Protein backbone atom coordinates (compact mmCIF):
# COMPACT_ATOMS: atom_id res chain seq x y z
CA MET A 1 13.08 -20.06 -6.04
CA ALA A 2 10.37 -18.03 -7.81
CA LYS A 3 8.41 -15.37 -5.94
CA ASN A 4 4.65 -15.01 -6.18
CA TYR A 5 3.34 -11.52 -6.84
CA ALA A 6 -0.19 -10.20 -6.48
CA VAL A 7 -1.72 -7.46 -8.59
CA ARG A 8 -2.35 -4.34 -6.49
CA ALA A 9 -5.93 -3.09 -6.17
CA GLY A 10 -4.87 0.54 -6.55
CA GLN A 11 -2.01 2.83 -7.53
CA ARG A 12 0.47 3.49 -4.72
CA ILE A 13 1.22 7.08 -3.81
CA SER A 14 4.72 7.85 -2.58
CA THR A 15 4.26 9.59 0.78
CA ARG A 16 5.66 9.64 4.29
CA HIS A 17 3.34 9.59 7.29
CA PRO A 18 3.69 8.30 10.86
CA PHE A 19 1.62 5.32 11.92
CA LEU A 20 1.00 3.25 15.03
CA TYR A 21 0.24 -0.46 15.13
CA HIS A 22 -1.01 -2.48 18.06
CA GLY A 23 -0.32 -6.19 18.29
CA GLU A 24 -0.82 -8.65 21.09
CA GLY A 25 1.49 -7.46 23.86
CA PHE A 26 3.19 -4.63 21.94
CA HIS A 27 2.73 -1.18 20.41
CA GLY A 28 4.81 -0.25 17.40
CA LYS A 29 5.38 2.98 15.53
CA GLY A 30 6.91 3.82 12.22
CA HIS A 31 6.45 5.57 8.89
CA LEU A 32 4.54 4.42 5.86
CA TRP A 33 6.17 5.12 2.51
CA ASP A 34 3.75 4.03 -0.17
CA LEU A 35 -0.01 4.20 0.29
CA SER A 36 -2.86 2.86 -1.84
CA ILE A 37 -6.55 2.22 -1.41
CA SER A 38 -5.78 -1.36 -0.35
CA GLY A 39 -2.64 -1.02 1.77
CA TRP A 40 0.85 0.39 2.23
CA ARG A 41 4.56 -0.29 2.62
CA ALA A 42 6.13 0.85 5.88
CA THR A 43 9.12 0.73 8.18
CA GLY A 44 8.42 0.18 11.87
CA ASP A 45 10.26 -0.07 15.16
CA HIS A 46 8.74 -3.45 16.04
CA LEU A 47 9.27 -6.46 13.79
CA VAL A 48 6.11 -7.99 12.35
CA LYS A 49 5.59 -11.28 10.56
CA PRO A 50 3.35 -12.13 7.63
CA GLY A 51 -0.13 -13.11 8.78
CA LEU A 52 -0.28 -10.80 11.81
CA VAL A 53 -3.57 -8.88 11.96
CA MET A 54 -3.95 -5.73 14.05
CA PRO A 55 -5.50 -2.26 14.19
CA VAL A 56 -3.48 0.60 12.73
CA ASP A 57 -3.64 4.36 13.23
CA ILE A 58 -2.23 6.45 10.35
CA GLU A 59 -1.49 10.14 10.88
CA LEU A 60 -2.64 12.17 7.88
CA PRO A 61 -3.03 15.93 7.49
CA SER A 62 -6.24 17.19 9.15
CA ASP A 63 -9.20 17.04 6.78
CA GLU A 64 -12.10 19.47 7.06
CA GLY A 65 -11.96 19.70 10.85
CA GLN A 66 -11.49 15.94 11.35
CA SER A 67 -8.83 14.33 13.50
CA LYS A 68 -5.46 13.80 11.86
CA HIS A 69 -5.71 10.11 12.81
CA LEU A 70 -7.12 7.62 10.31
CA LEU A 71 -8.13 4.38 12.02
CA ILE A 72 -7.80 1.10 10.15
CA ASP A 73 -9.82 -1.42 12.17
CA SER A 74 -7.70 -4.32 10.98
CA ALA A 75 -4.77 -4.72 8.61
CA ILE A 76 -2.80 -7.86 7.81
CA VAL A 77 0.94 -8.03 7.25
CA ARG A 78 1.42 -9.61 3.81
CA TRP A 79 5.23 -9.60 3.70
CA SER A 80 8.12 -8.46 5.87
CA SER A 81 11.84 -7.99 5.50
CA GLY A 82 13.61 -6.77 8.61
CA ARG A 83 11.74 -3.66 9.77
CA ASP A 84 10.01 -3.16 6.39
CA ALA A 85 6.60 -4.70 5.73
CA GLY A 86 3.70 -4.65 3.31
CA TRP A 87 0.26 -4.24 4.89
CA GLU A 88 -3.19 -4.86 3.43
CA ILE A 89 -6.37 -3.27 4.76
CA GLN A 90 -8.90 -5.85 5.88
CA THR A 91 -11.51 -3.81 7.77
CA ILE A 92 -12.08 -0.06 7.64
CA SER A 93 -15.14 2.05 8.49
CA GLU A 94 -17.01 3.84 5.72
CA THR A 95 -15.94 7.20 7.18
CA SER A 96 -12.26 6.22 7.26
CA GLN A 97 -12.49 4.74 3.75
CA ALA A 98 -13.99 7.97 2.41
CA ARG A 99 -11.23 10.01 4.07
CA LEU A 100 -8.53 7.74 2.66
CA ASN A 101 -10.09 8.07 -0.81
CA ARG A 102 -10.08 11.90 -0.52
CA PHE A 103 -6.46 11.91 0.63
CA LEU A 104 -5.34 9.70 -2.25
CA ASP A 105 -7.33 11.70 -4.82
CA ARG A 106 -5.70 14.94 -3.64
CA ALA A 107 -2.23 13.37 -3.63
CA ARG A 108 -2.66 12.27 -7.27
CA ASP A 109 -3.54 15.80 -8.42
């Protein structure tokens, strides 16, 4: 059976940061491994299924006096395999988007 692949909106940066995800009736935690402007790949302690939508809190290094937590208002699970999953950002505030952009720009340098 052939797999369908989507073209990524941005280059993934190999990184390792803790994150929290909050679904209906559970709280999960894990580490993201690859991060881009549109999403990430991660391993978590709570299994998720494609189509689940939830808020996510990513822990990044502190930026110019800001909290180390980057809030993603909603992200959707696009694929999962065991405890690994691919997430896509659906809703993010302008402030969080700007911070994510700065983080990715610095990581590419």
